[in-house]
Amino acid sequence: MEKTIYGENTAHPAIASSFNNLGLAWIKLGDHKKAIGYHKQSLSMRKTIYGHNTPHPDIAGSLNSLGLSWGRLGDQKNAISYIEQSLTMMKTIHGDNAAHPEIASSLQNLGSVWSKRGNHEKAISYYEQALTMMKTVYGGNTEHPDIATTLNSLGSSWMELGDQKNAISYHEQSITMWKTIYGDNTAHPDIASLLQNLGLSLNQLGDHKKAISYHEQSLTMWKTINGANTVHPGTAKSLVIMGLTWSSLGDHKKAISYLEQSLSMMKIIHGDKAGHPVITALFYNLGSSWSKLDDHQKAISYFEQSLMMEKTIYGENAEHPDIAASLASLGLSWSKLGDQKKAISYYEQALTMLKTIYGDNTAHPAVAVSLSGLGSSWMLQGDQRKAINCHEQSLTMKKIIYGDDTAHPDIASSLNSLGLSWAILGDHKKAVSYFQQSLTIKKTLYGENTAHSHIFGTLHNLYVACTNIGDHTTAMEYKKQIQSMQRALDG
């Protein structure tokens, strides 16, 4: 209508606003390419109307909208460029040190884009500037959606940086504010997401029981918002997190129940046969849970589906950490089933890929774990020399990763495995040395007098090795510890 009134090729503020509104509508519909097209037309027209080098709020608005759309398309460089231009213009219009909602919004948007690029330190810097400005604009003690959003963003960035205490503090401030805004008992997506984030931070701190409480509240709220039986990404994500948290607590049956519910939902959302990273991750996590329940046939089935989908997503011959993880997990499952030849084949494929990804001589946890797995399979296959070679490489790498003098369960595991292979080769003195080093670390980790299955296993290995070298006095001391621990473990 505006073009009919003002002329097909006329640059007019009303037409420019219509282009801008169409762009915003396409953003809401998720078609960011179309949105960019309209925002570009709006920007071009506004520059014609107001002047190419003129700072104007409408031009700044179009630049900001273009930045947001490029960000949602995954082009964060373009996003930063447009939002920075918008911010510069807003500061020219309102004053370099002025506290203004649009400047605060641009700062928040820049934080979001830098967060997506993985630079959380820079993101936090922008979020903090935005928060300070918002409190100046709206009032230091005012409950406002923009302030609540920025508090949540700060929490998420601190969570990514591993500072869970800071993350929890910001998330709690945000959730308190949202509850004041929407009502204490209102089910709202912002509150549901925040409950989830609080749970995730507690997961990272190792407090999985408390985390479960937040995840359950989040899941209940998503079901209230979307409908108990409605398929929705928010509900599906909550189900995944519940499954992973129960897995961390060792209840793998519960974990599988939640993961399977999520998988059914994700297949409806993304397509049953679609290659999607979320579905791939669910296959992998289900495989891991079945593996921990010792149903390795089921585990293999899920790991194979995960591997197949990863190759669909990343390419049949692609080198990718997710593909390597599935290969290594298949190696472990086949080893547990007793097929060491298959296990060795998968471990070797995983190792080759990981070394291509991270570098041939790089010490990386995934490489160290695969070397350990390969060593164990060579031991069970009867080739102790190859087993020792793999475990020695793994041990060296773990000491580089965790620190030479650090008491770490993975280091203890490698020392124990080396002891087993040397024992099989008949060098029981070497075996005793490795078992003793492993025992020392385990007692440091679990407590000198703690009854623990890992300590129990190494004590048994020491008892056998000491007996084999004729040191019966020491062997009997270990036997007494074994008997005492057995009684404690039996309850």
Protein backbone atom coordinates (compact mmCIF):
# COMPACT_ATOMS: atom_id res chain seq x y z
CA MET A 1 0.00 0.00 0.00
CA GLU A 2 2.82 2.42 0.93
CA LYS A 3 4.41 1.92 -2.53
CA THR A 4 1.07 2.73 -4.20
CA ILE A 5 0.68 5.86 -2.08
CA TYR A 6 4.28 7.13 -2.22
CA GLY A 7 5.49 5.62 -5.52
CA GLU A 8 7.15 2.33 -6.47
CA ASN A 9 10.72 3.64 -6.30
CA THR A 10 10.25 6.32 -3.64
CA ALA A 11 12.42 6.21 -0.52
CA HIS A 12 9.99 6.98 2.29
CA PRO A 13 10.20 6.34 6.08
CA ALA A 14 6.88 4.44 6.05
CA ILE A 15 8.09 2.05 3.33
CA ALA A 16 11.42 1.58 5.16
CA SER A 17 9.49 0.81 8.37
CA SER A 18 7.38 -1.77 6.53
CA PHE A 19 10.53 -3.48 5.23
CA ASN A 20 11.88 -3.49 8.80
CA ASN A 21 8.62 -4.93 10.19
CA LEU A 22 8.60 -7.65 7.53
CA GLY A 23 12.18 -8.51 8.52
CA LEU A 24 11.16 -8.76 12.18
CA ALA A 25 8.20 -10.98 11.26
CA TRP A 26 10.47 -13.37 9.32
CA ILE A 27 12.83 -13.48 12.34
CA LYS A 28 9.91 -14.65 14.49
CA LEU A 29 9.08 -17.29 11.86
CA GLY A 30 12.72 -18.44 11.89
CA ASP A 31 13.51 -17.56 8.26
CA HIS A 32 16.58 -15.39 8.86
CA LYS A 33 17.64 -15.30 5.20
CA LYS A 34 14.36 -13.63 4.25
CA ALA A 35 14.66 -11.38 7.30
CA ILE A 36 18.12 -10.24 6.17
CA GLY A 37 16.74 -9.43 2.71
CA TYR A 38 14.08 -7.12 4.14
CA HIS A 39 16.41 -5.52 6.70
CA LYS A 40 18.92 -4.76 3.92
CA GLN A 41 16.19 -3.03 1.90
CA SER A 42 15.14 -1.08 5.00
CA LEU A 43 18.75 -0.07 5.76
CA SER A 44 19.42 0.98 2.17
CA MET A 45 16.25 3.11 2.06
CA ARG A 46 16.93 4.73 5.43
CA LYS A 47 20.43 5.68 4.33
CA THR A 48 18.93 7.25 1.17
CA ILE A 49 16.40 9.18 3.29
CA TYR A 50 18.67 10.36 6.14
CA GLY A 51 22.10 10.30 4.48
CA HIS A 52 24.68 7.53 4.20
CA ASN A 53 26.89 8.94 6.94
CA THR A 54 24.15 10.37 9.15
CA PRO A 55 23.73 8.84 12.63
CA HIS A 56 19.99 8.13 12.92
CA PRO A 57 18.02 5.86 15.31
CA ASP A 58 16.25 4.12 12.40
CA ILE A 59 19.55 3.33 10.66
CA ALA A 60 20.99 2.08 13.96
CA GLY A 61 17.87 -0.09 14.42
CA SER A 62 18.30 -1.68 10.97
CA LEU A 63 22.01 -2.35 11.64
CA ASN A 64 21.12 -4.03 14.94
CA SER A 65 18.38 -6.17 13.30
CA LEU A 66 20.82 -7.27 10.57
CA GLY A 67 23.34 -8.22 13.23
CA LEU A 68 20.80 -10.33 15.11
CA SER A 69 19.70 -12.13 11.93
CA TRP A 70 23.28 -12.90 10.85
CA GLY A 71 23.93 -14.22 14.37
CA ARG A 72 20.95 -16.56 14.19
CA LEU A 73 22.22 -17.83 10.83
CA GLY A 74 25.51 -18.69 12.57
CA ASP A 75 27.60 -15.94 10.96
CA GLN A 76 28.87 -14.32 14.16
CA LYS A 77 31.53 -12.20 12.39
CA ASN A 78 28.89 -10.42 10.31
CA ALA A 79 26.69 -10.19 13.41
CA ILE A 80 29.43 -8.45 15.42
CA SER A 81 30.18 -6.04 12.56
CA TYR A 82 26.56 -4.85 12.24
CA ILE A 83 25.87 -4.66 16.00
CA GLU A 84 29.11 -2.72 16.59
CA GLN A 85 28.10 -0.23 13.87
CA SER A 86 24.71 0.09 15.56
CA LEU A 87 26.34 0.62 18.98
CA THR A 88 28.72 3.29 17.65
CA MET A 89 25.81 5.12 16.05
CA MET A 90 23.67 4.92 19.20
CA LYS A 91 26.53 6.40 21.24
CA THR A 92 26.90 9.23 18.70
CA ILE A 93 23.15 9.94 18.90
CA HIS A 94 22.65 9.65 22.67
CA GLY A 95 26.14 10.53 23.93
CA ASP A 96 29.21 8.35 24.46
CA ASN A 97 28.59 7.93 28.20
CA ALA A 98 24.80 8.09 28.13
CA ALA A 99 22.75 5.36 29.77
CA HIS A 100 20.10 4.45 27.19
CA PRO A 101 17.96 1.30 26.70
CA GLU A 102 19.04 0.91 23.05
CA ILE A 103 22.74 1.16 23.93
CA ALA A 104 22.21 -1.38 26.72
CA SER A 105 20.39 -3.67 24.27
CA SER A 106 23.29 -3.47 21.77
CA LEU A 107 25.77 -4.30 24.54
CA GLN A 108 23.63 -7.31 25.54
CA ASN A 109 23.46 -8.43 21.88
CA LEU A 110 27.24 -8.17 21.50
CA GLY A 111 27.66 -10.29 24.62
CA SER A 112 25.35 -12.91 23.14
CA VAL A 113 27.27 -13.03 19.84
CA TRP A 114 30.67 -13.29 21.56
CA SER A 115 29.25 -16.08 23.73
CA LYS A 116 28.21 -17.99 20.59
CA ARG A 117 31.76 -17.55 19.27
CA GLY A 118 33.04 -19.18 22.46
CA ASN A 119 34.71 -16.05 23.87
CA HIS A 120 32.92 -15.98 27.22
CA GLU A 121 35.34 -13.51 28.84
CA LYS A 122 34.45 -10.92 26.18
CA ALA A 123 30.77 -11.85 26.48
CA ILE A 124 30.87 -11.23 30.25
CA SER A 125 32.49 -7.82 29.70
CA TYR A 126 29.60 -6.73 27.43
CA TYR A 127 26.94 -8.27 29.70
CA GLU A 128 28.36 -6.43 32.73
CA GLN A 129 28.31 -3.11 30.84
CA ALA A 130 24.72 -3.82 29.76
CA LEU A 131 23.68 -4.73 33.33
CA THR A 132 25.22 -1.57 34.82
CA MET A 133 23.46 0.57 32.21
CA MET A 134 20.11 -1.18 32.63
CA LYS A 135 20.22 -0.62 36.39
CA THR A 136 20.92 3.08 35.74
CA VAL A 137 18.05 3.28 33.23
CA TYR A 138 15.42 1.25 35.12
CA GLY A 139 16.64 1.66 38.71
CA GLY A 140 19.05 -0.40 40.79
CA ASN A 141 16.34 -2.34 42.60
CA THR A 142 13.79 -2.51 39.78
CA GLU A 143 12.53 -5.89 38.55
CA HIS A 144 12.76 -5.62 34.75
CA PRO A 145 12.79 -8.30 31.98
CA ASP A 146 15.95 -6.83 30.37
CA ILE A 147 17.83 -6.98 33.68
CA ALA A 148 16.60 -10.54 34.33
CA THR A 149 17.72 -11.60 30.83
CA THR A 150 21.20 -10.13 31.31
CA LEU A 151 21.59 -11.79 34.72
CA ASN A 152 20.73 -15.11 33.08
CA SER A 153 23.25 -14.46 30.28
CA LEU A 154 25.98 -13.72 32.83
CA GLY A 155 25.15 -16.94 34.64
CA SER A 156 25.38 -18.95 31.41
CA SER A 157 28.76 -17.45 30.46
CA TRP A 158 30.22 -18.08 33.91
CA MET A 159 28.88 -21.64 33.67
CA GLU A 160 30.74 -22.10 30.34
CA LEU A 161 33.94 -20.80 31.97
CA GLY A 162 33.56 -23.39 34.73
CA ASP A 163 32.83 -20.92 37.55
CA GLN A 164 29.65 -22.61 38.76
CA LYS A 165 29.39 -20.60 42.00
CA ASN A 166 29.25 -17.33 40.06
CA ALA A 167 26.88 -18.96 37.57
CA ILE A 168 24.51 -20.09 40.33
CA SER A 169 24.55 -16.62 41.92
CA TYR A 170 23.50 -14.90 38.67
CA HIS A 171 20.92 -17.57 37.78
CA GLU A 172 19.35 -17.29 41.25
CA GLN A 173 19.13 -13.48 40.94
CA SER A 174 17.54 -13.89 37.52
CA ILE A 175 15.00 -16.51 38.62
CA THR A 176 13.98 -14.39 41.64
CA MET A 177 13.40 -11.44 39.32
CA TRP A 178 11.40 -13.45 36.76
CA LYS A 179 9.19 -14.85 39.54
CA THR A 180 8.50 -11.29 40.72
CA ILE A 181 7.70 -10.23 37.15
CA TYR A 182 5.50 -13.21 36.15
CA GLY A 183 4.29 -14.38 39.56
CA ASP A 184 5.84 -16.84 42.00
CA ASN A 185 3.81 -19.83 40.83
CA THR A 186 3.55 -18.96 37.13
CA ALA A 187 4.82 -21.50 34.62
CA HIS A 188 6.91 -19.54 32.11
CA PRO A 189 9.61 -20.60 29.58
CA ASP A 190 12.17 -18.13 31.03
CA ILE A 191 11.73 -19.62 34.52
CA ALA A 192 11.82 -23.20 33.16
CA SER A 193 15.10 -22.47 31.34
CA LEU A 194 16.63 -20.90 34.43
CA LEU A 195 15.68 -23.87 36.63
CA GLN A 196 17.44 -26.03 34.05
CA ASN A 197 20.55 -23.82 34.12
CA LEU A 198 20.69 -23.95 37.92
CA GLY A 199 20.51 -27.73 37.73
CA LEU A 200 23.30 -27.84 35.14
CA SER A 201 25.60 -25.73 37.35
CA LEU A 202 24.92 -28.05 40.29
CA ASN A 203 25.70 -31.02 38.01
CA GLN A 204 29.07 -29.43 37.24
CA LEU A 205 29.70 -29.01 40.98
CA GLY A 206 28.91 -32.72 41.44
CA ASP A 207 25.73 -32.13 43.47
CA HIS A 208 23.52 -34.31 41.27
CA LYS A 209 20.82 -34.88 43.93
CA LYS A 210 20.17 -31.14 44.25
CA ALA A 211 20.44 -30.81 40.48
CA ILE A 212 17.68 -33.41 40.01
CA SER A 213 15.32 -31.26 42.09
CA TYR A 214 15.81 -28.27 39.73
CA HIS A 215 15.58 -30.43 36.60
CA GLU A 216 12.31 -31.97 37.85
CA GLN A 217 10.86 -28.51 38.47
CA SER A 218 11.95 -27.45 34.99
CA LEU A 219 10.43 -30.55 33.34
CA THR A 220 7.14 -30.10 35.24
CA MET A 221 6.99 -26.47 34.16
CA TRP A 222 7.67 -27.27 30.49
CA LYS A 223 4.86 -29.84 30.56
CA THR A 224 2.52 -27.30 32.19
CA ILE A 225 3.41 -24.70 29.52
CA ASN A 226 3.30 -26.98 26.48
CA GLY A 227 0.92 -29.74 27.61
CA ALA A 228 1.82 -32.98 29.41
CA ASN A 229 1.85 -35.06 26.21
CA THR A 230 2.89 -32.34 23.76
CA VAL A 231 6.08 -32.76 21.78
CA HIS A 232 8.23 -29.66 22.42
CA PRO A 233 12.01 -28.93 22.27
CA GLY A 234 11.98 -27.53 25.83
CA THR A 235 10.38 -30.69 27.23
CA ALA A 236 12.66 -32.93 25.13
CA LYS A 237 15.78 -31.10 26.38
CA SER A 238 14.62 -31.43 30.01
CA LEU A 239 14.14 -35.17 29.52
CA VAL A 240 17.71 -35.49 28.16
CA ILE A 241 19.18 -33.60 31.12
CA MET A 242 17.15 -35.68 33.59
CA GLY A 243 18.49 -38.85 31.94
CA LEU A 244 22.11 -37.68 32.08
CA THR A 245 21.78 -36.59 35.71
CA TRP A 246 20.32 -39.94 36.78
CA SER A 247 23.20 -41.58 34.90
CA SER A 248 25.66 -39.48 36.95
CA LEU A 249 23.89 -40.72 40.10
CA GLY A 250 24.36 -44.31 38.90
CA ASP A 251 20.67 -45.08 38.25
CA HIS A 252 21.03 -46.16 34.63
CA LYS A 253 17.54 -47.69 34.38
CA LYS A 254 15.99 -44.31 35.21
CA ALA A 255 18.48 -42.64 32.87
CA ILE A 256 17.42 -44.91 29.99
CA SER A 257 13.73 -44.22 30.67
CA TYR A 258 14.22 -40.44 30.36
CA LEU A 259 16.61 -40.69 27.40
CA GLU A 260 14.20 -42.96 25.48
CA GLN A 261 11.32 -40.51 26.08
CA SER A 262 13.52 -37.69 24.80
CA LEU A 263 14.63 -39.73 21.78
CA SER A 264 11.00 -40.43 20.76
CA MET A 265 10.23 -36.71 21.04
CA MET A 266 13.37 -35.55 19.21
CA LYS A 267 12.60 -37.92 16.31
CA ILE A 268 9.18 -36.28 15.92
CA ILE A 269 10.73 -32.78 16.13
CA HIS A 270 13.70 -33.36 13.78
CA GLY A 271 12.45 -36.25 11.67
CA ASP A 272 12.70 -39.98 12.31
CA LYS A 273 15.48 -40.59 9.79
CA ALA A 274 17.10 -37.18 9.92
CA GLY A 275 20.78 -36.93 10.72
CA HIS A 276 20.69 -34.54 13.67
CA PRO A 277 23.41 -33.99 16.34
CA VAL A 278 20.88 -34.10 19.19
CA ILE A 279 19.52 -37.50 18.07
CA THR A 280 23.09 -38.77 17.58
CA ALA A 281 24.02 -37.70 21.11
CA LEU A 282 20.94 -39.51 22.47
CA PHE A 283 21.92 -42.74 20.68
CA TYR A 284 25.41 -42.40 22.18
CA ASN A 285 24.15 -41.70 25.73
CA LEU A 286 21.71 -44.61 25.56
CA GLY A 287 24.59 -46.83 24.45
CA SER A 288 26.66 -45.65 27.42
CA SER A 289 23.82 -46.35 29.89
CA TRP A 290 23.20 -49.85 28.52
CA SER A 291 26.96 -50.47 28.67
CA LYS A 292 26.98 -49.54 32.37
CA LEU A 293 24.11 -52.02 32.89
CA ASP A 294 26.35 -54.64 31.16
CA ASP A 295 23.94 -55.13 28.26
CA HIS A 296 26.65 -54.73 25.65
CA GLN A 297 24.54 -56.03 22.74
CA LYS A 298 22.07 -53.19 23.28
CA ALA A 299 24.97 -50.76 23.81
CA ILE A 300 26.49 -51.80 20.47
CA SER A 301 23.16 -51.31 18.72
CA TYR A 302 22.95 -47.70 19.95
CA PHE A 303 26.63 -46.93 19.32
CA GLU A 304 26.26 -48.24 15.73
CA GLN A 305 23.25 -45.98 15.15
CA SER A 306 25.21 -43.08 16.62
CA LEU A 307 28.20 -43.81 14.36
CA MET A 308 26.03 -44.14 11.26
CA MET A 309 24.26 -40.84 11.92
CA GLU A 310 27.52 -39.02 12.68
CA LYS A 311 28.90 -40.12 9.31
CA THR A 312 25.71 -38.82 7.67
CA ILE A 313 26.10 -35.46 9.41
CA TYR A 314 29.87 -34.93 9.15
CA GLY A 315 30.70 -37.01 6.06
CA GLU A 316 31.57 -40.69 5.53
CA ASN A 317 35.33 -40.05 5.67
CA ALA A 318 35.28 -37.10 8.07
CA GLU A 319 37.63 -36.92 11.07
CA HIS A 320 35.47 -35.77 14.00
CA PRO A 321 35.68 -36.18 17.81
CA ASP A 322 32.10 -37.54 17.98
CA ILE A 323 32.87 -40.23 15.40
CA ALA A 324 36.05 -41.15 17.29
CA ALA A 325 34.07 -41.38 20.56
CA SER A 326 31.55 -43.79 18.99
CA LEU A 327 34.38 -45.93 17.55
CA ALA A 328 36.10 -46.10 20.97
CA SER A 329 32.81 -47.00 22.70
CA LEU A 330 32.20 -49.77 20.17
CA GLY A 331 35.73 -50.99 20.98
CA LEU A 332 34.93 -51.13 24.70
CA SER A 333 31.59 -52.95 24.15
CA TRP A 334 33.09 -55.58 21.85
CA SER A 335 35.90 -56.08 24.36
CA LYS A 336 33.33 -56.66 27.14
CA LEU A 337 31.63 -59.24 24.89
CA GLY A 338 34.98 -61.01 24.47
CA ASP A 339 35.61 -60.19 20.80
CA GLN A 340 39.04 -58.58 21.20
CA LYS A 341 39.80 -58.56 17.45
CA LYS A 342 36.77 -56.38 16.77
CA ALA A 343 37.56 -54.26 19.82
CA ILE A 344 41.16 -53.67 18.66
CA SER A 345 39.93 -52.71 15.18
CA TYR A 346 37.55 -50.06 16.58
CA TYR A 347 40.11 -48.72 19.08
CA GLU A 348 42.74 -48.40 16.34
CA GLN A 349 40.31 -46.53 14.09
CA ALA A 350 39.45 -44.19 16.99
CA LEU A 351 43.13 -43.58 17.79
CA THR A 352 44.06 -42.84 14.18
CA MET A 353 41.22 -40.34 13.96
CA LEU A 354 41.99 -38.66 17.30
CA LYS A 355 45.66 -38.25 16.39
CA THR A 356 44.62 -36.66 13.08
CA ILE A 357 42.28 -34.28 14.94
CA TYR A 358 44.50 -33.29 17.89
CA GLY A 359 47.99 -33.95 16.52
CA ASP A 360 50.13 -37.08 16.58
CA ASN A 361 52.05 -36.14 19.74
CA THR A 362 49.35 -34.19 21.60
CA ALA A 363 48.41 -35.32 25.09
CA HIS A 364 44.60 -35.42 25.02
CA PRO A 365 42.21 -37.24 27.41
CA ALA A 366 40.34 -38.97 24.55
CA VAL A 367 43.63 -40.31 23.10
CA ALA A 368 44.76 -41.50 26.56
CA VAL A 369 41.44 -43.32 27.15
CA SER A 370 41.59 -45.04 23.74
CA LEU A 371 45.18 -46.14 24.37
CA SER A 372 44.07 -47.64 27.70
CA GLY A 373 41.20 -49.47 26.01
CA LEU A 374 43.48 -50.78 23.28
CA GLY A 375 46.00 -51.91 25.89
CA SER A 376 43.32 -53.83 27.80
CA SER A 377 42.17 -55.56 24.61
CA TRP A 378 45.75 -56.56 23.69
CA MET A 379 46.14 -57.94 27.25
CA LEU A 380 42.98 -60.04 26.90
CA GLN A 381 44.09 -61.10 23.41
CA GLY A 382 47.31 -62.39 25.02
CA ASP A 383 49.84 -59.91 23.60
CA GLN A 384 51.23 -58.40 26.81
CA ARG A 385 54.08 -56.52 25.09
CA LYS A 386 51.62 -54.60 22.94
CA ALA A 387 49.41 -54.08 26.00
CA ILE A 388 52.31 -52.64 28.02
CA ASN A 389 53.30 -50.35 25.15
CA CYS A 390 49.75 -48.93 24.96
CA HIS A 391 49.40 -48.54 28.75
CA GLU A 392 52.81 -46.84 29.03
CA GLN A 393 51.84 -44.33 26.33
CA SER A 394 48.52 -43.76 28.07
CA LEU A 395 50.17 -43.32 31.49
CA THR A 396 52.70 -40.80 30.12
CA MET A 397 49.90 -38.85 28.49
CA LYS A 398 47.71 -38.86 31.62
CA LYS A 399 50.60 -37.53 33.72
CA ILE A 400 51.06 -34.67 31.22
CA ILE A 401 47.32 -33.91 31.27
CA TYR A 402 46.65 -34.20 35.02
CA GLY A 403 50.11 -33.53 36.47
CA ASP A 404 52.95 -35.94 37.23
CA ASP A 405 52.28 -36.02 40.99
CA THR A 406 48.48 -35.71 40.84
CA ALA A 407 46.34 -38.42 42.42
CA HIS A 408 43.90 -39.13 39.57
CA PRO A 409 41.71 -42.22 39.03
CA ASP A 410 42.82 -42.56 35.38
CA ILE A 411 46.49 -42.61 36.39
CA ALA A 412 45.73 -45.23 39.07
CA SER A 413 43.89 -47.33 36.46
CA SER A 414 46.86 -47.27 34.04
CA LEU A 415 49.28 -48.26 36.81
CA ASN A 416 47.02 -51.17 37.77
CA SER A 417 46.76 -52.31 34.13
CA LEU A 418 50.56 -52.22 33.74
CA GLY A 419 50.83 -54.34 36.89
CA LEU A 420 48.44 -56.93 35.44
CA SER A 421 50.37 -57.26 32.17
CA TRP A 422 53.75 -57.58 33.94
CA ALA A 423 52.21 -60.20 36.26
CA ILE A 424 50.99 -62.22 33.26
CA LEU A 425 54.52 -62.01 31.80
CA GLY A 426 55.84 -63.39 35.10
CA ASP A 427 57.68 -60.27 36.28
CA HIS A 428 55.91 -60.10 39.64
CA LYS A 429 58.37 -57.59 41.17
CA LYS A 430 57.49 -55.07 38.47
CA ALA A 431 53.83 -55.94 38.95
CA VAL A 432 54.07 -55.25 42.71
CA SER A 433 55.71 -51.87 42.03
CA TYR A 434 52.88 -50.78 39.70
CA PHE A 435 50.14 -52.15 42.00
CA GLN A 436 51.62 -50.32 45.00
CA GLN A 437 51.72 -47.01 43.07
CA SER A 438 48.11 -47.57 42.04
CA LEU A 439 47.07 -48.40 45.63
CA THR A 440 48.74 -45.25 47.00
CA ILE A 441 46.76 -43.06 44.56
CA LYS A 442 43.48 -44.84 45.28
CA LYS A 443 43.89 -44.43 49.03
CA THR A 444 44.65 -40.74 48.49
CA LEU A 445 41.48 -40.43 46.39
CA TYR A 446 39.05 -42.49 48.45
CA GLY A 447 40.59 -42.35 51.94
CA GLU A 448 43.27 -44.41 53.70
CA ASN A 449 40.78 -46.63 55.55
CA THR A 450 37.83 -46.43 53.18
CA ALA A 451 36.24 -49.63 51.91
CA HIS A 452 36.11 -49.13 48.13
CA SER A 453 35.81 -51.62 45.28
CA HIS A 454 38.76 -50.06 43.39
CA ILE A 455 41.04 -50.35 46.44
CA PHE A 456 39.77 -53.89 47.04
CA GLY A 457 40.74 -54.97 43.51
CA THR A 458 44.28 -53.60 43.78
CA LEU A 459 44.77 -55.17 47.23
CA HIS A 460 43.82 -58.53 45.70
CA ASN A 461 46.32 -58.00 42.86
CA LEU A 462 49.05 -57.19 45.40
CA TYR A 463 48.21 -60.29 47.47
CA VAL A 464 48.59 -62.53 44.39
CA ALA A 465 51.78 -60.81 43.17
CA CYS A 466 53.46 -60.91 46.61
CA THR A 467 52.56 -64.59 46.93
CA ASN A 468 54.14 -65.25 43.51
CA ILE A 469 57.46 -63.65 44.50
CA GLY A 470 57.51 -65.59 47.78
CA ASP A 471 56.89 -62.59 50.05
CA HIS A 472 54.29 -64.41 52.13
CA THR A 473 54.49 -62.05 55.11
CA THR A 474 53.46 -59.02 52.98
CA ALA A 475 50.93 -61.18 51.13
CA MET A 476 49.26 -62.08 54.44
CA GLU A 477 49.10 -58.39 55.43
CA TYR A 478 47.26 -57.67 52.17
CA LYS A 479 44.98 -60.68 52.76
CA LYS A 480 43.97 -59.27 56.17
CA GLN A 481 43.14 -55.91 54.55
CA ILE A 482 41.14 -57.73 51.86
CA GLN A 483 39.12 -59.70 54.44
CA SER A 484 38.45 -56.56 56.52
CA MET A 485 37.36 -54.61 53.45
CA GLN A 486 35.18 -57.48 52.21
CA ARG A 487 33.24 -57.40 55.49
CA ALA A 488 32.81 -53.60 55.21
CA LEU A 489 31.65 -53.84 51.58
CA ASP A 490 29.19 -56.62 52.42
CA GLY A 491 27.73 -54.31 55.08
